[in-house]
N, C-alpha and C. Protein backbone atom coordinates (compact mmCIF):
# COMPACT_ATOMS: atom_id res chain seq x y z
N MET A 1 -18.94 56.55 -19.38
CA MET A 1 -18.06 56.84 -20.34
C MET A 1 -18.67 56.68 -21.98
N GLN A 2 -18.07 57.70 -22.77
CA GLN A 2 -18.35 57.36 -23.98
C GLN A 2 -17.54 56.92 -25.09
N LEU A 3 -17.82 56.56 -25.99
CA LEU A 3 -17.03 56.39 -27.37
C LEU A 3 -17.01 56.88 -28.43
N CYS A 4 -15.86 57.26 -28.84
CA CYS A 4 -15.74 58.41 -30.32
C CYS A 4 -14.80 57.50 -31.37
N PHE A 5 -15.32 57.83 -32.72
CA PHE A 5 -14.40 57.31 -33.47
C PHE A 5 -13.53 58.51 -34.14
N ALA A 6 -12.20 58.74 -34.42
CA ALA A 6 -11.46 59.73 -34.54
C ALA A 6 -11.14 59.46 -36.37
N TYR A 7 -11.33 60.09 -37.23
CA TYR A 7 -10.97 59.88 -38.54
C TYR A 7 -9.83 61.16 -39.56
N GLY A 8 -9.85 62.53 -38.57
CA GLY A 8 -9.17 63.32 -39.41
C GLY A 8 -8.10 63.79 -38.06
N SER A 9 -8.38 64.87 -37.78
CA SER A 9 -6.95 65.48 -36.83
C SER A 9 -6.84 64.91 -35.18
N ASN A 10 -8.16 64.75 -34.88
CA ASN A 10 -8.18 63.89 -33.78
C ASN A 10 -7.35 62.32 -34.09
N LEU A 11 -6.82 61.81 -34.99
CA LEU A 11 -6.28 60.82 -35.27
C LEU A 11 -5.03 61.05 -34.69
N SER A 12 -4.50 62.31 -34.36
CA SER A 12 -3.13 62.69 -33.32
C SER A 12 -3.36 62.32 -31.96
N ILE A 13 -3.12 61.35 -31.55
CA ILE A 13 -3.02 60.82 -29.82
C ILE A 13 -2.38 62.25 -29.19
N ASN A 14 -1.46 62.93 -29.49
CA ASN A 14 -1.19 64.39 -28.45
C ASN A 14 -2.06 65.17 -28.78
N GLN A 15 -3.04 65.48 -30.20
CA GLN A 15 -4.00 66.41 -29.85
C GLN A 15 -4.85 66.10 -29.33
N MET A 16 -5.93 65.12 -29.06
CA MET A 16 -6.77 64.05 -28.29
C MET A 16 -6.23 64.58 -26.44
N ARG A 17 -5.05 64.19 -26.31
CA ARG A 17 -4.41 64.29 -24.96
C ARG A 17 -5.06 65.97 -24.56
N ARG A 18 -4.41 66.62 -25.60
CA ARG A 18 -4.79 68.06 -25.05
C ARG A 18 -6.18 68.79 -25.32
N ARG A 19 -7.04 67.92 -26.23
CA ARG A 19 -8.13 68.35 -26.18
C ARG A 19 -9.40 67.70 -25.12
N CYS A 20 -8.43 66.63 -24.73
CA CYS A 20 -9.60 65.65 -23.92
C CYS A 20 -8.83 64.90 -23.44
N PRO A 21 -8.51 65.39 -22.06
CA PRO A 21 -7.54 64.90 -21.23
C PRO A 21 -7.52 63.36 -20.47
N ASP A 22 -8.59 63.28 -20.28
CA ASP A 22 -9.01 62.09 -19.99
C ASP A 22 -9.11 60.60 -21.04
N SER A 23 -8.85 61.04 -22.03
CA SER A 23 -9.43 59.81 -23.65
C SER A 23 -8.18 59.01 -23.04
N LYS A 24 -8.53 58.15 -23.74
CA LYS A 24 -8.13 56.72 -23.80
C LYS A 24 -8.20 56.20 -24.98
N LEU A 25 -7.07 55.70 -25.74
CA LEU A 25 -6.95 55.09 -27.03
C LEU A 25 -7.45 53.28 -26.72
N LEU A 26 -8.70 53.33 -27.78
CA LEU A 26 -9.02 51.77 -27.23
C LEU A 26 -8.42 50.91 -28.62
N GLU A 27 -8.88 51.18 -29.81
CA GLU A 27 -8.32 50.37 -30.75
C GLU A 27 -8.51 50.97 -32.28
N VAL A 28 -8.03 50.21 -33.34
CA VAL A 28 -8.34 50.79 -34.80
C VAL A 28 -9.51 50.35 -34.84
N GLY A 29 -10.23 50.94 -35.80
CA GLY A 29 -11.48 50.69 -36.18
C GLY A 29 -11.98 51.02 -37.66
N CYS A 30 -12.91 50.63 -38.30
CA CYS A 30 -13.18 50.77 -39.60
C CYS A 30 -14.76 51.09 -39.91
N LEU A 31 -15.53 52.17 -40.19
CA LEU A 31 -16.63 52.84 -40.34
C LEU A 31 -17.00 52.37 -41.75
N LYS A 32 -17.97 51.21 -42.08
CA LYS A 32 -18.25 50.86 -43.58
C LYS A 32 -19.46 51.59 -43.70
N GLY A 33 -19.63 51.90 -45.37
CA GLY A 33 -20.54 52.63 -45.76
C GLY A 33 -20.28 53.91 -45.79
N TYR A 34 -19.08 54.64 -45.51
CA TYR A 34 -18.89 55.69 -45.44
C TYR A 34 -17.55 56.12 -46.40
N ARG A 35 -17.00 57.37 -46.54
CA ARG A 35 -15.79 57.76 -47.26
C ARG A 35 -15.67 58.87 -46.49
N LEU A 36 -14.21 59.13 -46.51
CA LEU A 36 -13.96 60.23 -46.04
C LEU A 36 -13.21 61.18 -47.07
N ASP A 37 -13.80 62.61 -46.79
CA ASP A 37 -14.26 63.58 -47.31
C ASP A 37 -13.70 64.93 -46.46
N PHE A 38 -13.75 66.04 -47.41
CA PHE A 38 -13.33 67.45 -46.84
C PHE A 38 -14.21 68.07 -47.61
N THR A 39 -15.49 68.76 -46.55
CA THR A 39 -16.40 69.23 -46.90
C THR A 39 -16.57 70.44 -46.10
N HIS A 40 -15.75 71.07 -45.25
CA HIS A 40 -15.67 72.20 -44.53
C HIS A 40 -14.46 72.78 -44.44
N TYR A 41 -14.57 74.34 -44.73
CA TYR A 41 -13.28 75.05 -44.54
C TYR A 41 -13.06 75.55 -43.14
N SER A 42 -11.92 74.99 -42.50
CA SER A 42 -11.71 75.93 -41.43
C SER A 42 -10.61 76.70 -41.18
N SER A 43 -11.08 78.08 -40.58
CA SER A 43 -9.88 79.14 -40.43
C SER A 43 -8.56 78.67 -39.59
N ASP A 44 -8.84 77.53 -38.71
CA ASP A 44 -7.86 77.51 -37.55
C ASP A 44 -6.70 76.57 -38.39
N TRP A 45 -7.11 75.62 -39.70
CA TRP A 45 -6.68 74.86 -40.21
C TRP A 45 -6.00 75.65 -41.54
N SER A 46 -6.59 76.80 -41.81
CA SER A 46 -6.39 76.93 -43.58
C SER A 46 -6.98 76.34 -44.57
N GLY A 47 -7.78 75.37 -44.19
CA GLY A 47 -8.12 74.47 -45.49
C GLY A 47 -9.11 73.52 -45.13
N GLY A 48 -9.52 72.47 -45.96
CA GLY A 48 -10.52 71.62 -45.41
C GLY A 48 -10.33 71.00 -44.40
N VAL A 49 -11.69 70.40 -43.68
CA VAL A 49 -10.98 69.38 -42.59
C VAL A 49 -11.71 68.57 -42.63
N ALA A 50 -11.69 67.28 -42.16
CA ALA A 50 -12.40 65.78 -42.48
C ALA A 50 -13.74 65.42 -42.10
N ASP A 51 -14.57 64.92 -43.19
CA ASP A 51 -15.79 64.61 -42.79
C ASP A 51 -16.08 63.43 -43.60
N ILE A 52 -17.38 62.62 -42.84
CA ILE A 52 -17.55 61.43 -43.48
C ILE A 52 -19.09 61.59 -44.37
N ILE A 53 -18.85 61.11 -45.46
CA ILE A 53 -19.97 60.99 -46.53
C ILE A 53 -20.53 59.70 -46.47
N VAL A 54 -21.90 59.45 -46.58
CA VAL A 54 -22.59 58.07 -46.85
C VAL A 54 -21.86 57.29 -47.93
N ASP A 55 -21.61 56.33 -48.11
CA ASP A 55 -21.38 55.83 -49.55
C ASP A 55 -21.09 54.24 -49.34
N PRO A 56 -22.29 53.96 -49.67
CA PRO A 56 -22.11 52.37 -49.40
C PRO A 56 -21.07 51.39 -50.19
N ASN A 57 -20.16 51.80 -50.44
CA ASN A 57 -19.06 50.98 -51.35
C ASN A 57 -17.78 51.54 -50.80
N ASN A 58 -17.42 51.99 -49.76
CA ASN A 58 -16.31 52.65 -49.43
C ASN A 58 -16.41 52.51 -47.72
N GLU A 59 -14.89 52.70 -47.00
CA GLU A 59 -15.09 52.76 -45.40
C GLU A 59 -14.54 53.65 -44.95
N VAL A 60 -14.33 54.23 -43.97
CA VAL A 60 -13.10 55.07 -42.98
C VAL A 60 -12.54 54.30 -41.90
N TRP A 61 -10.98 54.50 -41.93
CA TRP A 61 -10.38 54.04 -41.23
C TRP A 61 -10.18 54.93 -39.95
N GLY A 62 -10.02 54.48 -38.57
CA GLY A 62 -9.64 55.42 -37.50
C GLY A 62 -9.76 55.14 -36.35
N LEU A 63 -9.62 55.58 -35.46
CA LEU A 63 -9.31 55.36 -33.77
C LEU A 63 -10.65 55.08 -33.07
N ILE A 64 -10.43 54.47 -31.93
CA ILE A 64 -11.94 54.28 -31.10
C ILE A 64 -11.10 54.95 -29.84
N TYR A 65 -11.66 56.12 -29.19
CA TYR A 65 -11.42 56.54 -27.78
C TYR A 65 -12.67 56.22 -27.34
N LYS A 66 -11.95 56.20 -25.93
CA LYS A 66 -13.45 56.01 -24.81
C LYS A 66 -12.78 57.47 -23.87
N LEU A 67 -13.83 58.41 -23.62
CA LEU A 67 -13.83 59.89 -23.70
C LEU A 67 -14.92 59.46 -22.12
N SER A 68 -14.62 60.59 -21.09
CA SER A 68 -15.32 60.91 -20.14
C SER A 68 -16.19 61.78 -20.43
N GLU A 69 -17.55 62.24 -19.29
CA GLU A 69 -18.14 63.20 -19.81
C GLU A 69 -17.75 64.46 -20.10
N GLU A 70 -16.92 64.61 -19.23
CA GLU A 70 -16.13 66.27 -19.39
C GLU A 70 -15.23 66.36 -20.86
N ASP A 71 -14.79 64.83 -21.52
CA ASP A 71 -14.16 65.09 -22.61
C ASP A 71 -15.18 65.19 -23.91
N ILE A 72 -16.18 64.51 -23.65
CA ILE A 72 -17.23 64.88 -24.76
C ILE A 72 -17.64 65.88 -25.20
N HIS A 73 -17.93 66.65 -23.90
CA HIS A 73 -18.40 68.12 -23.70
C HIS A 73 -17.22 68.83 -24.59
N ARG A 74 -15.79 68.61 -24.11
CA ARG A 74 -14.70 69.43 -24.74
C ARG A 74 -14.44 69.08 -26.52
N LEU A 75 -15.03 67.91 -26.43
CA LEU A 75 -14.52 67.73 -27.93
C LEU A 75 -15.90 68.17 -28.55
N ASP A 76 -17.25 68.04 -28.27
CA ASP A 76 -18.09 68.92 -28.73
C ASP A 76 -18.00 70.50 -29.05
N TYR A 77 -17.01 71.14 -27.94
CA TYR A 77 -16.60 72.43 -27.82
C TYR A 77 -15.70 72.91 -29.83
N TYR A 78 -14.60 71.91 -29.50
CA TYR A 78 -13.44 71.84 -30.66
C TYR A 78 -13.86 71.54 -32.02
N GLU A 79 -15.18 70.58 -31.95
CA GLU A 79 -15.85 70.33 -33.37
C GLU A 79 -16.51 71.44 -33.56
N GLY A 80 -17.28 72.42 -32.84
CA GLY A 80 -18.25 73.15 -33.12
C GLY A 80 -19.68 72.49 -32.92
N TYR A 81 -19.81 71.33 -32.64
CA TYR A 81 -21.18 70.71 -32.14
C TYR A 81 -22.02 71.81 -31.70
N PRO A 82 -23.14 72.04 -31.89
CA PRO A 82 -23.98 71.56 -33.28
C PRO A 82 -23.94 72.14 -34.35
N ASP A 83 -23.57 73.19 -34.26
CA ASP A 83 -23.25 74.06 -35.47
C ASP A 83 -22.73 73.60 -36.52
N ILE A 84 -21.48 73.41 -36.80
CA ILE A 84 -20.40 72.74 -37.41
C ILE A 84 -20.49 71.62 -37.88
N TYR A 85 -19.87 70.83 -36.55
CA TYR A 85 -20.30 69.25 -36.68
C TYR A 85 -21.44 68.86 -35.77
N THR A 86 -22.12 67.98 -36.17
CA THR A 86 -23.00 67.05 -35.48
C THR A 86 -22.65 65.90 -35.23
N ARG A 87 -23.20 64.97 -34.25
CA ARG A 87 -22.69 63.45 -34.16
C ARG A 87 -23.94 62.57 -34.35
N PHE A 88 -23.43 61.40 -34.80
CA PHE A 88 -24.07 60.29 -34.16
C PHE A 88 -23.94 58.85 -33.80
N GLN A 89 -24.54 58.10 -33.19
CA GLN A 89 -24.28 56.82 -32.82
C GLN A 89 -24.09 55.29 -33.96
N THR A 90 -23.01 55.09 -34.27
CA THR A 90 -23.21 53.77 -34.98
C THR A 90 -21.95 52.93 -34.47
N SER A 91 -22.21 51.92 -35.19
CA SER A 91 -21.24 50.65 -35.17
C SER A 91 -19.98 50.92 -36.07
N ILE A 92 -18.95 50.41 -35.22
CA ILE A 92 -17.57 50.25 -35.81
C ILE A 92 -16.81 49.48 -35.83
N LYS A 93 -16.42 48.81 -36.79
CA LYS A 93 -15.76 47.25 -37.20
C LYS A 93 -14.19 47.26 -36.28
N THR A 94 -13.94 46.26 -35.98
CA THR A 94 -12.57 46.46 -35.04
C THR A 94 -11.99 45.03 -35.86
N LEU A 95 -10.94 44.99 -35.18
CA LEU A 95 -9.91 43.23 -35.62
C LEU A 95 -10.84 42.17 -34.89
N THR A 96 -11.45 42.42 -33.67
CA THR A 96 -12.02 41.31 -32.95
C THR A 96 -13.27 41.25 -33.01
N GLY A 97 -14.44 42.35 -33.65
CA GLY A 97 -15.73 42.13 -33.93
C GLY A 97 -16.00 43.58 -34.03
N SER A 98 -17.31 44.31 -33.44
CA SER A 98 -17.80 45.37 -33.61
C SER A 98 -17.95 46.01 -32.48
N ILE A 99 -17.95 47.27 -32.23
CA ILE A 99 -18.24 48.01 -31.20
C ILE A 99 -19.60 48.95 -31.34
N LEU A 100 -20.17 49.12 -30.49
CA LEU A 100 -21.54 49.32 -30.91
C LEU A 100 -21.74 51.17 -29.79
N ASP A 101 -22.88 51.88 -30.53
CA ASP A 101 -22.88 53.01 -29.83
C ASP A 101 -21.49 54.09 -29.31
N VAL A 102 -20.73 54.01 -30.56
CA VAL A 102 -19.92 54.95 -30.76
C VAL A 102 -20.12 56.22 -31.74
N TRP A 103 -19.82 57.33 -31.23
CA TRP A 103 -19.87 58.82 -31.38
C TRP A 103 -19.33 58.62 -32.58
N ALA A 104 -19.46 59.41 -33.67
CA ALA A 104 -18.93 59.97 -34.88
C ALA A 104 -19.72 61.23 -35.43
N TYR A 105 -18.28 61.86 -35.50
CA TYR A 105 -19.03 63.52 -36.19
C TYR A 105 -19.03 63.67 -37.33
N THR A 106 -19.74 64.41 -38.22
CA THR A 106 -19.72 64.90 -39.36
C THR A 106 -20.27 65.95 -39.54
N VAL A 107 -20.02 66.77 -40.79
CA VAL A 107 -20.13 68.10 -40.73
C VAL A 107 -22.12 68.30 -41.33
N VAL A 108 -22.28 69.64 -40.56
CA VAL A 108 -24.00 69.73 -40.98
C VAL A 108 -24.01 70.46 -42.41
N ARG A 109 -23.28 71.54 -42.57
CA ARG A 109 -23.80 72.02 -43.64
C ARG A 109 -22.61 71.43 -44.77
N LYS A 110 -22.46 70.65 -45.54
CA LYS A 110 -21.43 69.82 -46.34
C LYS A 110 -21.44 71.03 -47.60
N ASN A 111 -20.20 71.41 -48.15
CA ASN A 111 -19.81 72.18 -49.25
C ASN A 111 -18.92 71.25 -50.05
N ASN A 112 -18.72 71.62 -51.08
CA ASN A 112 -17.66 70.85 -51.74
C ASN A 112 -16.45 70.50 -51.83
N PHE A 113 -15.84 69.71 -52.14
CA PHE A 113 -14.73 69.08 -51.29
C PHE A 113 -13.74 70.18 -51.53
N THR A 114 -13.18 70.61 -50.48
CA THR A 114 -12.42 71.83 -49.79
C THR A 114 -11.17 71.33 -49.66
N PRO A 115 -9.97 71.52 -50.37
CA PRO A 115 -8.55 70.74 -50.00
C PRO A 115 -7.92 71.21 -48.80
N PRO A 116 -7.21 70.14 -47.89
CA PRO A 116 -6.96 70.29 -46.80
C PRO A 116 -5.17 71.05 -47.13
N THR A 117 -4.86 71.59 -45.93
CA THR A 117 -3.21 71.59 -46.19
C THR A 117 -2.89 70.16 -45.81
N LYS A 118 -1.30 70.65 -46.47
CA LYS A 118 -0.67 69.39 -46.04
C LYS A 118 -0.18 68.97 -44.94
N ALA A 119 -0.24 69.72 -43.95
CA ALA A 119 0.01 69.82 -42.53
C ALA A 119 -1.21 69.05 -42.08
N TYR A 120 -2.31 69.20 -41.99
CA TYR A 120 -3.63 68.35 -42.06
C TYR A 120 -3.34 66.91 -42.21
N MET A 121 -3.19 66.83 -43.70
CA MET A 121 -2.89 65.47 -44.40
C MET A 121 -1.56 64.72 -43.78
N LYS A 122 -0.92 65.73 -43.02
CA LYS A 122 0.32 64.68 -42.51
C LYS A 122 0.22 63.99 -41.19
N ILE A 123 -1.15 64.39 -40.46
CA ILE A 123 -1.63 64.25 -39.28
C ILE A 123 -1.91 62.51 -39.63
N ILE A 124 -3.22 62.85 -40.51
CA ILE A 124 -3.85 61.64 -41.15
C ILE A 124 -2.76 60.35 -41.48
N LYS A 125 -1.93 60.93 -42.46
CA LYS A 125 -1.11 60.16 -42.88
C LYS A 125 -0.30 59.06 -42.10
N ASN A 126 0.36 60.16 -40.79
CA ASN A 126 1.35 59.48 -40.33
C ASN A 126 0.51 58.45 -39.04
N ALA A 127 -0.95 58.45 -39.27
CA ALA A 127 -1.70 57.68 -38.36
C ALA A 127 -2.19 56.40 -39.06
N THR A 128 -2.16 56.69 -40.43
CA THR A 128 -2.43 55.43 -40.84
C THR A 128 -1.10 54.14 -40.84
N VAL A 129 -0.35 54.93 -41.01
CA VAL A 129 1.22 54.14 -40.57
C VAL A 129 1.39 53.81 -39.28
N GLU A 130 1.32 54.59 -38.27
CA GLU A 130 1.67 54.54 -37.23
C GLU A 130 0.71 53.19 -36.22
N HIS A 131 -0.84 53.13 -36.97
CA HIS A 131 -1.78 52.45 -36.78
C HIS A 131 -2.12 51.52 -37.67
N GLN A 132 -1.32 51.06 -38.79
CA GLN A 132 -0.91 49.74 -39.60
C GLN A 132 -2.49 49.82 -40.17
N PHE A 133 -3.46 50.92 -40.70
CA PHE A 133 -4.44 51.01 -41.78
C PHE A 133 -3.97 50.44 -42.50
N PRO A 134 -5.22 49.70 -43.00
CA PRO A 134 -4.92 48.62 -44.17
C PRO A 134 -3.99 49.51 -45.70
N GLU A 135 -3.25 48.76 -46.22
CA GLU A 135 -2.56 49.41 -47.36
C GLU A 135 -3.57 50.09 -48.43
N ALA A 136 -4.66 49.41 -48.70
CA ALA A 136 -5.43 50.23 -49.84
C ALA A 136 -6.22 51.64 -49.28
N TYR A 137 -6.73 51.41 -47.69
CA TYR A 137 -6.74 52.99 -47.21
C TYR A 137 -5.56 54.04 -47.15
N ARG A 138 -4.72 53.53 -46.86
CA ARG A 138 -3.23 54.35 -47.00
C ARG A 138 -3.07 54.88 -48.17
N SER A 139 -3.29 53.74 -49.27
CA SER A 139 -3.08 54.56 -50.89
C SER A 139 -4.11 55.46 -51.01
N TYR A 140 -5.35 55.27 -50.50
CA TYR A 140 -6.61 56.07 -51.16
C TYR A 140 -6.39 57.32 -50.34
N ILE A 141 -5.36 57.45 -49.09
CA ILE A 141 -5.09 58.54 -48.31
C ILE A 141 -4.22 59.73 -49.22
N ASP A 142 -3.03 58.89 -49.77
CA ASP A 142 -2.06 59.45 -50.64
C ASP A 142 -2.90 60.03 -51.94
N THR A 143 -3.52 60.06 -52.39
CA THR A 143 -4.71 60.34 -53.37
C THR A 143 -5.17 61.64 -53.00
N ILE A 144 -5.34 62.14 -52.17
CA ILE A 144 -5.95 63.28 -51.69
C ILE A 144 -5.24 64.49 -51.89
N GLU A 145 -5.99 65.72 -52.95
CA GLU A 145 -5.32 66.97 -53.16
C GLU A 145 -4.90 67.74 -52.02
N THR A 146 -3.95 68.28 -52.04
CA THR A 146 -3.78 69.50 -50.74
C THR A 146 -3.68 70.63 -51.34
N ARG A 147 -3.53 71.51 -50.40
CA ARG A 147 -3.30 73.12 -50.43
C ARG A 147 -2.07 73.09 -50.43
């Protein structure tokens, strides 16, 4: 089994079930030393899609999923790995400690901020409420410009 950190549209549990049928939501987690940005245009979404950028003064909240080997390959396909997104293993902080060796996807060729659509941001906003992400993070999400 593999672990994966979701912070963009994969915060949608329904989307993850469609993409990765064996996926299991483990818990909420936080990637320290990064910030959420939108550095890639997706024609599927008609707007920017989420990325994580190194930033020592920030953090990105998301969900940790357990994936089968087949699911990680399916997710690679959906994320355009290795050309659009690549992945790296990192440590994710949780309410009970840290989980090591969690895959996180990041955009390979980063562009300037590309506004996401309202529909894309609605997925992220809904997850921040449903999974009770910290208020400060939810407030930050509300400031992101959409198209």
